[in-house]
């Protein structure tokens, strides 16, 4: 498996992976069928990430994208030292240390580009993700009470962050 920065040429495969992820898990933001992006819109999104000095990593396996990590950097003078992280790995490819490898590669980028704070949110009942984030040095900073509606039930999320030297 190869972990690398995404390119515009990944748009179609990345979109397919995200749509599959939406169907496989209830831990991501989008519900199945809710992601309406076209390939052309995904290309624009990937280009915007690159231009904003943010990072989009993909996990490639046998000519297929099976996971991603996006670190969106703040755009203003007061928050450009922060990056908000979203990660997703297809179910079949979980438990292979891919999440850890994605975080390690992202942290190299963060240190090289002056990021001092990494942030994310996670549903409070997503124990596997919380374990990964804590293993990678993230700590819980607070709770977003009733922040999501999943299957008709309100769900809390943790705010988590990691400070870099």
N, C-alpha and C. Protein backbone atom coordinates (compact mmCIF):
# COMPACT_ATOMS: atom_id res chain seq x y z
N UNK A 1 0.84 -1.18 0.00
CA UNK A 1 0.00 0.00 0.00
C UNK A 1 0.88 1.23 0.00
N UNK A 2 0.48 2.19 -0.79
CA UNK A 2 1.25 3.43 -0.94
C UNK A 2 0.45 4.58 -0.33
N UNK A 3 1.10 5.36 0.50
CA UNK A 3 0.50 6.59 1.03
C UNK A 3 1.22 7.75 0.36
N UNK A 4 0.43 8.63 -0.26
CA UNK A 4 1.01 9.74 -1.02
C UNK A 4 0.03 10.91 -1.02
N UNK A 5 0.54 12.06 -1.43
CA UNK A 5 -0.34 13.22 -1.61
C UNK A 5 -1.24 12.98 -2.82
N UNK A 6 -2.45 13.44 -2.71
CA UNK A 6 -3.39 13.28 -3.82
C UNK A 6 -3.03 14.23 -4.95
N UNK A 7 -3.51 13.89 -6.15
CA UNK A 7 -3.38 14.76 -7.31
C UNK A 7 -4.77 14.91 -7.93
N UNK A 8 -4.91 15.84 -8.84
CA UNK A 8 -6.18 16.02 -9.53
C UNK A 8 -6.60 14.74 -10.24
N UNK A 9 -5.64 13.95 -10.69
CA UNK A 9 -5.95 12.70 -11.38
C UNK A 9 -6.62 11.66 -10.48
N UNK A 10 -6.60 11.89 -9.16
CA UNK A 10 -7.24 10.97 -8.21
C UNK A 10 -8.73 11.24 -8.03
N UNK A 11 -9.25 12.29 -8.63
CA UNK A 11 -10.61 12.75 -8.34
C UNK A 11 -11.65 11.65 -8.44
N UNK A 12 -11.67 10.92 -9.53
CA UNK A 12 -12.72 9.90 -9.72
C UNK A 12 -12.60 8.77 -8.70
N UNK A 13 -11.40 8.25 -8.50
CA UNK A 13 -11.20 7.14 -7.56
C UNK A 13 -11.44 7.59 -6.12
N UNK A 14 -11.04 8.81 -5.80
CA UNK A 14 -11.27 9.33 -4.45
C UNK A 14 -12.77 9.51 -4.19
N UNK A 15 -13.47 10.04 -5.16
CA UNK A 15 -14.91 10.21 -5.02
C UNK A 15 -15.61 8.86 -4.83
N UNK A 16 -15.20 7.87 -5.60
CA UNK A 16 -15.77 6.51 -5.46
C UNK A 16 -15.52 5.96 -4.06
N UNK A 17 -14.29 6.15 -3.55
CA UNK A 17 -13.96 5.68 -2.21
C UNK A 17 -14.78 6.39 -1.15
N UNK A 18 -14.94 7.70 -1.28
CA UNK A 18 -15.72 8.45 -0.30
C UNK A 18 -17.19 8.00 -0.31
N UNK A 19 -17.74 7.77 -1.48
CA UNK A 19 -19.12 7.30 -1.57
C UNK A 19 -19.27 5.91 -0.95
N UNK A 20 -18.28 5.04 -1.15
CA UNK A 20 -18.31 3.73 -0.52
C UNK A 20 -18.21 3.86 0.99
N UNK A 21 -17.34 4.74 1.46
CA UNK A 21 -17.18 4.99 2.89
C UNK A 21 -18.49 5.49 3.49
N UNK A 22 -19.19 6.36 2.77
CA UNK A 22 -20.49 6.86 3.24
C UNK A 22 -21.49 5.71 3.44
N UNK A 23 -21.40 4.69 2.59
CA UNK A 23 -22.30 3.53 2.71
C UNK A 23 -21.87 2.57 3.82
N UNK A 24 -20.57 2.49 4.09
CA UNK A 24 -20.04 1.50 5.02
C UNK A 24 -20.12 1.90 6.49
N UNK A 25 -20.06 3.18 6.78
CA UNK A 25 -19.95 3.59 8.18
C UNK A 25 -20.90 4.73 8.52
N UNK A 26 -21.28 4.79 9.76
CA UNK A 26 -22.10 5.89 10.26
C UNK A 26 -21.24 6.91 11.03
N UNK A 27 -19.92 6.72 10.98
CA UNK A 27 -19.02 7.61 11.72
C UNK A 27 -18.54 8.80 10.90
N UNK A 28 -18.85 8.85 9.61
CA UNK A 28 -18.48 9.98 8.77
C UNK A 28 -19.65 10.96 8.72
N UNK A 29 -19.43 12.14 8.21
CA UNK A 29 -20.46 13.19 8.21
C UNK A 29 -21.57 12.93 7.20
N UNK A 30 -21.22 12.43 6.03
CA UNK A 30 -22.21 12.24 4.97
C UNK A 30 -22.98 10.94 5.14
N UNK A 31 -24.27 11.00 4.85
CA UNK A 31 -25.09 9.80 4.81
C UNK A 31 -25.00 9.20 3.41
N UNK A 32 -25.33 7.92 3.25
CA UNK A 32 -25.29 7.32 1.90
C UNK A 32 -26.14 8.12 0.91
N UNK A 33 -25.56 8.41 -0.25
CA UNK A 33 -26.26 9.14 -1.30
C UNK A 33 -26.27 10.65 -1.13
N UNK A 34 -25.79 11.15 -0.01
CA UNK A 34 -25.84 12.59 0.26
C UNK A 34 -24.70 13.35 -0.42
N UNK A 35 -23.61 12.68 -0.71
CA UNK A 35 -22.45 13.30 -1.35
C UNK A 35 -22.77 13.44 -2.85
N UNK A 36 -23.00 14.65 -3.31
CA UNK A 36 -23.47 14.89 -4.68
C UNK A 36 -22.39 15.43 -5.61
N UNK A 37 -21.15 15.39 -5.18
CA UNK A 37 -20.07 15.93 -6.00
C UNK A 37 -19.94 15.19 -7.33
N UNK A 38 -19.60 15.93 -8.37
CA UNK A 38 -19.21 15.32 -9.64
C UNK A 38 -17.70 15.16 -9.64
N UNK A 39 -17.17 14.43 -10.58
CA UNK A 39 -15.72 14.28 -10.71
C UNK A 39 -15.07 15.64 -10.94
N UNK A 40 -15.70 16.47 -11.77
CA UNK A 40 -15.14 17.81 -12.03
C UNK A 40 -15.11 18.64 -10.75
N UNK A 41 -16.14 18.55 -9.93
CA UNK A 41 -16.15 19.29 -8.65
C UNK A 41 -15.09 18.75 -7.70
N UNK A 42 -14.88 17.44 -7.71
CA UNK A 42 -13.84 16.85 -6.88
C UNK A 42 -12.47 17.32 -7.34
N UNK A 43 -12.27 17.44 -8.64
CA UNK A 43 -11.00 17.97 -9.15
C UNK A 43 -10.77 19.39 -8.62
N UNK A 44 -11.81 20.22 -8.66
CA UNK A 44 -11.70 21.60 -8.14
C UNK A 44 -11.39 21.59 -6.65
N UNK A 45 -12.02 20.68 -5.91
CA UNK A 45 -11.78 20.57 -4.47
C UNK A 45 -10.33 20.19 -4.19
N UNK A 46 -9.81 19.23 -4.93
CA UNK A 46 -8.41 18.82 -4.75
C UNK A 46 -7.46 19.97 -5.08
N UNK A 47 -7.77 20.71 -6.12
CA UNK A 47 -6.94 21.86 -6.48
C UNK A 47 -7.01 22.94 -5.40
N UNK A 48 -8.18 23.17 -4.84
CA UNK A 48 -8.34 24.17 -3.77
C UNK A 48 -7.54 23.77 -2.52
N UNK A 49 -7.54 22.50 -2.20
CA UNK A 49 -6.76 22.03 -1.06
C UNK A 49 -5.28 22.31 -1.29
N UNK A 50 -4.81 22.00 -2.48
CA UNK A 50 -3.39 22.24 -2.81
C UNK A 50 -3.07 23.73 -2.71
N UNK A 51 -3.92 24.58 -3.28
CA UNK A 51 -3.66 26.03 -3.29
C UNK A 51 -3.72 26.65 -1.90
N UNK A 52 -4.46 26.04 -0.98
CA UNK A 52 -4.60 26.60 0.37
C UNK A 52 -3.49 26.13 1.31
N UNK A 53 -2.47 25.46 0.75
CA UNK A 53 -1.37 24.92 1.55
C UNK A 53 -1.85 23.91 2.58
N UNK A 54 -2.97 23.25 2.27
CA UNK A 54 -3.47 22.17 3.09
C UNK A 54 -2.94 20.86 2.52
N UNK A 55 -3.34 19.74 3.11
CA UNK A 55 -2.80 18.45 2.72
C UNK A 55 -3.92 17.44 2.52
N UNK A 56 -3.84 16.69 1.44
CA UNK A 56 -4.76 15.57 1.19
C UNK A 56 -3.90 14.36 0.87
N UNK A 57 -3.90 13.39 1.77
CA UNK A 57 -3.19 12.14 1.54
C UNK A 57 -4.18 11.07 1.11
N UNK A 58 -3.72 10.14 0.28
CA UNK A 58 -4.53 8.99 -0.09
C UNK A 58 -3.72 7.72 0.14
N UNK A 59 -4.46 6.64 0.40
CA UNK A 59 -3.86 5.31 0.47
C UNK A 59 -4.26 4.60 -0.81
N UNK A 60 -3.26 4.18 -1.57
CA UNK A 60 -3.50 3.52 -2.85
C UNK A 60 -3.12 2.05 -2.72
N UNK A 61 -4.00 1.18 -3.19
CA UNK A 61 -3.75 -0.25 -3.16
C UNK A 61 -4.33 -0.88 -4.41
N UNK A 62 -3.50 -1.55 -5.18
CA UNK A 62 -3.93 -2.22 -6.41
C UNK A 62 -4.79 -1.29 -7.29
N UNK A 63 -4.26 -0.11 -7.57
CA UNK A 63 -4.90 0.87 -8.45
C UNK A 63 -6.25 1.37 -7.92
N UNK A 64 -6.45 1.29 -6.62
CA UNK A 64 -7.69 1.75 -5.99
C UNK A 64 -7.32 2.62 -4.78
N UNK A 65 -8.09 3.65 -4.53
CA UNK A 65 -7.90 4.45 -3.32
C UNK A 65 -8.76 3.83 -2.22
N UNK A 66 -8.13 3.50 -1.09
CA UNK A 66 -8.83 2.78 -0.02
C UNK A 66 -8.88 3.58 1.28
N UNK A 67 -8.28 4.77 1.30
CA UNK A 67 -8.31 5.60 2.50
C UNK A 67 -7.78 6.99 2.18
N UNK A 68 -8.01 7.90 3.13
CA UNK A 68 -7.54 9.28 2.95
C UNK A 68 -7.36 9.94 4.30
N UNK A 69 -6.60 11.00 4.30
CA UNK A 69 -6.51 11.93 5.43
C UNK A 69 -6.38 13.32 4.83
N UNK A 70 -7.24 14.21 5.29
CA UNK A 70 -7.17 15.60 4.86
C UNK A 70 -6.87 16.46 6.07
N UNK A 71 -5.90 17.35 5.93
CA UNK A 71 -5.57 18.32 6.97
C UNK A 71 -5.76 19.70 6.36
N UNK A 72 -6.86 20.35 6.73
CA UNK A 72 -7.18 21.67 6.17
C UNK A 72 -6.61 22.74 7.08
N UNK A 73 -5.66 23.46 6.53
CA UNK A 73 -4.96 24.50 7.26
C UNK A 73 -5.82 25.75 7.38
N UNK A 74 -5.71 26.45 8.52
CA UNK A 74 -6.37 27.73 8.67
C UNK A 74 -5.85 28.71 7.63
N UNK A 75 -6.71 29.64 7.22
CA UNK A 75 -6.34 30.55 6.13
C UNK A 75 -6.04 31.97 6.59
N UNK A 76 -6.29 32.25 7.85
CA UNK A 76 -6.08 33.61 8.35
C UNK A 76 -4.81 33.69 9.19
N UNK A 77 -4.32 34.88 9.37
CA UNK A 77 -3.09 35.09 10.12
C UNK A 77 -3.18 34.45 11.51
N UNK A 78 -4.35 34.54 12.14
CA UNK A 78 -4.50 34.05 13.50
C UNK A 78 -4.70 32.54 13.61
N UNK A 79 -5.03 31.86 12.52
CA UNK A 79 -5.24 30.41 12.63
C UNK A 79 -4.48 29.58 11.60
N UNK A 80 -3.56 30.18 10.88
CA UNK A 80 -2.84 29.42 9.86
C UNK A 80 -1.86 28.41 10.46
N UNK A 81 -1.66 28.47 11.76
CA UNK A 81 -0.81 27.49 12.45
C UNK A 81 -1.60 26.25 12.89
N UNK A 82 -2.90 26.22 12.56
CA UNK A 82 -3.78 25.11 12.94
C UNK A 82 -4.22 24.35 11.69
N UNK A 83 -4.49 23.06 11.87
CA UNK A 83 -5.04 22.25 10.78
C UNK A 83 -6.13 21.34 11.35
N UNK A 84 -7.25 21.30 10.65
CA UNK A 84 -8.38 20.45 11.03
C UNK A 84 -8.30 19.17 10.21
N UNK A 85 -8.41 18.04 10.86
CA UNK A 85 -8.16 16.74 10.23
C UNK A 85 -9.45 15.94 10.07
N UNK A 86 -9.56 15.30 8.90
CA UNK A 86 -10.60 14.30 8.62
C UNK A 86 -9.90 13.09 8.04
N UNK A 87 -10.28 11.90 8.52
CA UNK A 87 -9.65 10.67 8.06
C UNK A 87 -10.72 9.62 7.82
N UNK A 88 -10.50 8.77 6.83
CA UNK A 88 -11.42 7.67 6.58
C UNK A 88 -10.69 6.55 5.85
N UNK A 89 -10.97 5.33 6.25
CA UNK A 89 -10.37 4.15 5.64
C UNK A 89 -11.49 3.13 5.41
N UNK A 90 -11.54 2.58 4.21
CA UNK A 90 -12.56 1.58 3.91
C UNK A 90 -12.45 0.41 4.89
N UNK A 91 -13.60 -0.14 5.24
CA UNK A 91 -13.69 -1.18 6.26
C UNK A 91 -12.73 -2.35 6.02
N UNK A 92 -12.65 -2.80 4.79
CA UNK A 92 -11.81 -3.95 4.43
C UNK A 92 -10.32 -3.71 4.72
N UNK A 93 -9.91 -2.44 4.79
CA UNK A 93 -8.50 -2.10 4.92
C UNK A 93 -8.16 -1.55 6.30
N UNK A 94 -9.11 -1.59 7.23
CA UNK A 94 -8.84 -1.14 8.59
C UNK A 94 -8.03 -2.21 9.32
N UNK A 95 -7.48 -1.88 10.46
CA UNK A 95 -6.65 -2.78 11.27
C UNK A 95 -5.37 -3.19 10.55
N UNK A 96 -4.85 -2.32 9.71
CA UNK A 96 -3.58 -2.59 9.02
C UNK A 96 -2.57 -1.47 9.29
N UNK A 97 -2.81 -0.71 10.36
CA UNK A 97 -1.94 0.40 10.76
C UNK A 97 -1.94 1.56 9.75
N UNK A 98 -2.91 1.57 8.85
CA UNK A 98 -2.97 2.66 7.86
C UNK A 98 -3.26 4.00 8.52
N UNK A 99 -4.16 4.02 9.49
CA UNK A 99 -4.46 5.26 10.19
C UNK A 99 -3.23 5.84 10.85
N UNK A 100 -2.48 4.99 11.51
CA UNK A 100 -1.24 5.44 12.15
C UNK A 100 -0.26 5.97 11.12
N UNK A 101 -0.11 5.26 10.01
CA UNK A 101 0.82 5.70 8.96
C UNK A 101 0.38 7.03 8.34
N UNK A 102 -0.94 7.21 8.15
CA UNK A 102 -1.44 8.48 7.63
C UNK A 102 -1.13 9.61 8.59
N UNK A 103 -1.36 9.39 9.89
CA UNK A 103 -1.08 10.43 10.88
C UNK A 103 0.42 10.75 10.93
N UNK A 104 1.27 9.76 10.85
CA UNK A 104 2.70 10.01 10.89
C UNK A 104 3.15 10.85 9.70
N UNK A 105 2.65 10.52 8.52
CA UNK A 105 3.01 11.29 7.32
C UNK A 105 2.46 12.72 7.41
N UNK A 106 1.23 12.86 7.91
CA UNK A 106 0.64 14.18 8.07
C UNK A 106 1.44 15.02 9.07
N UNK A 107 1.90 14.41 10.15
CA UNK A 107 2.67 15.16 11.14
C UNK A 107 4.01 15.63 10.58
N UNK A 108 4.64 14.84 9.72
CA UNK A 108 5.87 15.30 9.05
C UNK A 108 5.58 16.58 8.27
N UNK A 109 4.48 16.56 7.50
CA UNK A 109 4.07 17.74 6.74
C UNK A 109 3.81 18.91 7.69
N UNK A 110 3.09 18.66 8.78
CA UNK A 110 2.73 19.72 9.72
C UNK A 110 3.98 20.39 10.28
N UNK A 111 4.95 19.60 10.67
CA UNK A 111 6.18 20.17 11.24
C UNK A 111 6.96 20.96 10.19
N UNK A 112 6.98 20.46 8.96
CA UNK A 112 7.70 21.14 7.87
C UNK A 112 7.04 22.46 7.48
N UNK A 113 5.73 22.59 7.70
CA UNK A 113 5.00 23.77 7.25
C UNK A 113 4.58 24.70 8.38
N UNK A 114 5.08 24.47 9.59
CA UNK A 114 4.82 25.39 10.69
C UNK A 114 3.49 25.21 11.41
N UNK A 115 2.84 24.08 11.22
CA UNK A 115 1.60 23.80 11.95
C UNK A 115 1.96 23.52 13.41
N UNK A 116 1.24 24.14 14.33
CA UNK A 116 1.48 23.94 15.76
C UNK A 116 0.32 23.25 16.47
N UNK A 117 -0.85 23.20 15.81
CA UNK A 117 -2.03 22.62 16.44
C UNK A 117 -2.79 21.80 15.41
N UNK A 118 -3.06 20.54 15.77
CA UNK A 118 -3.87 19.64 14.95
C UNK A 118 -5.19 19.43 15.69
N UNK A 119 -6.30 19.50 14.97
CA UNK A 119 -7.62 19.40 15.59
C UNK A 119 -8.49 18.41 14.84
N UNK A 120 -9.44 17.83 15.56
CA UNK A 120 -10.44 16.97 14.93
C UNK A 120 -11.62 16.82 15.87
N UNK A 121 -12.71 16.28 15.33
CA UNK A 121 -13.84 15.89 16.16
C UNK A 121 -14.14 14.43 15.87
N UNK A 122 -14.71 13.75 16.85
CA UNK A 122 -15.02 12.33 16.73
C UNK A 122 -16.25 12.02 17.58
N UNK A 123 -17.14 11.19 17.04
CA UNK A 123 -18.30 10.79 17.82
C UNK A 123 -17.84 10.08 19.08
N UNK A 124 -18.48 10.37 20.19
CA UNK A 124 -18.02 9.87 21.49
C UNK A 124 -18.11 8.35 21.60
N UNK A 125 -18.88 7.70 20.76
CA UNK A 125 -18.99 6.23 20.82
C UNK A 125 -18.10 5.53 19.79
N UNK A 126 -17.27 6.29 19.06
CA UNK A 126 -16.36 5.70 18.07
C UNK A 126 -15.05 5.33 18.76
N UNK A 127 -15.10 4.24 19.51
CA UNK A 127 -13.98 3.83 20.37
C UNK A 127 -12.70 3.54 19.58
N UNK A 128 -12.81 2.89 18.41
CA UNK A 128 -11.61 2.57 17.63
C UNK A 128 -10.88 3.84 17.20
N UNK A 129 -11.64 4.83 16.73
CA UNK A 129 -11.02 6.09 16.31
C UNK A 129 -10.41 6.83 17.50
N UNK A 130 -11.13 6.89 18.59
CA UNK A 130 -10.62 7.56 19.79
C UNK A 130 -9.32 6.92 20.24
N UNK A 131 -9.27 5.58 20.22
CA UNK A 131 -8.04 4.88 20.60
C UNK A 131 -6.88 5.27 19.69
N UNK A 132 -7.14 5.33 18.36
CA UNK A 132 -6.09 5.73 17.43
C UNK A 132 -5.62 7.15 17.73
N UNK A 133 -6.56 8.07 17.88
CA UNK A 133 -6.20 9.47 18.11
C UNK A 133 -5.39 9.63 19.40
N UNK A 134 -5.81 8.95 20.45
CA UNK A 134 -5.06 9.04 21.71
C UNK A 134 -3.67 8.41 21.55
N UNK A 135 -3.58 7.31 20.83
CA UNK A 135 -2.28 6.68 20.56
C UNK A 135 -1.36 7.65 19.82
N UNK A 136 -1.94 8.48 18.95
CA UNK A 136 -1.16 9.44 18.17
C UNK A 136 -0.91 10.75 18.94
N UNK A 137 -1.32 10.81 20.21
CA UNK A 137 -1.00 11.96 21.04
C UNK A 137 -2.09 13.02 21.17
N UNK A 138 -3.27 12.75 20.64
CA UNK A 138 -4.38 13.70 20.77
C UNK A 138 -5.03 13.56 22.13
N UNK A 139 -5.53 14.69 22.65
CA UNK A 139 -6.26 14.68 23.92
C UNK A 139 -7.62 15.30 23.73
N UNK A 140 -8.56 14.87 24.56
CA UNK A 140 -9.92 15.41 24.52
C UNK A 140 -9.90 16.79 25.17
N UNK A 141 -10.50 17.75 24.47
CA UNK A 141 -10.56 19.11 25.00
C UNK A 141 -11.97 19.52 25.42
N UNK A 142 -12.96 18.83 24.90
CA UNK A 142 -14.33 19.18 25.24
C UNK A 142 -15.32 18.33 24.48
N UNK A 143 -16.59 18.63 24.70
CA UNK A 143 -17.66 17.87 24.05
C UNK A 143 -18.55 18.84 23.27
N UNK A 144 -18.87 18.44 22.04
CA UNK A 144 -19.89 19.12 21.24
C UNK A 144 -21.18 18.33 21.49
N UNK A 145 -21.98 18.80 22.41
CA UNK A 145 -23.18 18.07 22.81
C UNK A 145 -24.23 18.09 21.70
N UNK A 146 -24.79 16.92 21.41
CA UNK A 146 -25.88 16.77 20.44
C UNK A 146 -25.55 17.43 19.11
N UNK A 147 -24.33 17.24 18.63
CA UNK A 147 -23.87 17.96 17.44
C UNK A 147 -24.27 17.30 16.13
N UNK A 148 -24.60 16.00 16.17
CA UNK A 148 -24.97 15.30 14.95
C UNK A 148 -26.27 14.53 15.17
N UNK A 149 -26.99 14.31 14.08
CA UNK A 149 -28.21 13.51 14.11
C UNK A 149 -27.96 12.27 13.26
N UNK A 150 -27.85 11.11 13.91
CA UNK A 150 -27.53 9.85 13.24
C UNK A 150 -28.64 8.85 13.55
N UNK A 151 -29.29 8.37 12.50
CA UNK A 151 -30.39 7.41 12.66
C UNK A 151 -31.45 7.92 13.63
N UNK A 152 -31.73 9.22 13.55
CA UNK A 152 -32.78 9.80 14.38
C UNK A 152 -32.38 10.09 15.81
N UNK A 153 -31.12 9.84 16.16
CA UNK A 153 -30.65 10.07 17.53
C UNK A 153 -29.57 11.15 17.53
N UNK A 154 -29.62 12.03 18.52
CA UNK A 154 -28.59 13.06 18.66
C UNK A 154 -27.34 12.44 19.26
N UNK A 155 -26.21 12.79 18.67
CA UNK A 155 -24.92 12.19 19.04
C UNK A 155 -23.95 13.30 19.45
N UNK A 156 -23.22 13.05 20.54
CA UNK A 156 -22.17 13.97 20.98
C UNK A 156 -20.87 13.66 20.25
N UNK A 157 -20.03 14.68 20.15
CA UNK A 157 -18.69 14.51 19.61
C UNK A 157 -17.68 15.06 20.61
N UNK A 158 -16.48 14.48 20.62
CA UNK A 158 -15.37 15.06 21.35
C UNK A 158 -14.61 16.01 20.43
N UNK A 159 -14.17 17.13 21.00
CA UNK A 159 -13.13 17.95 20.37
C UNK A 159 -11.81 17.33 20.84
N UNK A 160 -10.92 17.05 19.91
CA UNK A 160 -9.60 16.54 20.28
C UNK A 160 -8.54 17.36 19.56
N UNK A 161 -7.37 17.47 20.20
CA UNK A 161 -6.30 18.24 19.59
C UNK A 161 -4.94 17.69 20.02
N UNK A 162 -3.95 18.03 19.24
CA UNK A 162 -2.56 17.70 19.56
C UNK A 162 -1.74 18.95 19.27
N UNK A 163 -0.93 19.32 20.22
CA UNK A 163 -0.04 20.47 20.06
C UNK A 163 1.34 19.97 19.64
N UNK A 164 1.90 20.62 18.65
CA UNK A 164 3.23 20.24 18.16
C UNK A 164 4.26 21.25 18.64
N UNK A 165 5.51 20.81 18.80
CA UNK A 165 6.56 21.74 19.29
C UNK A 165 6.85 22.84 18.28
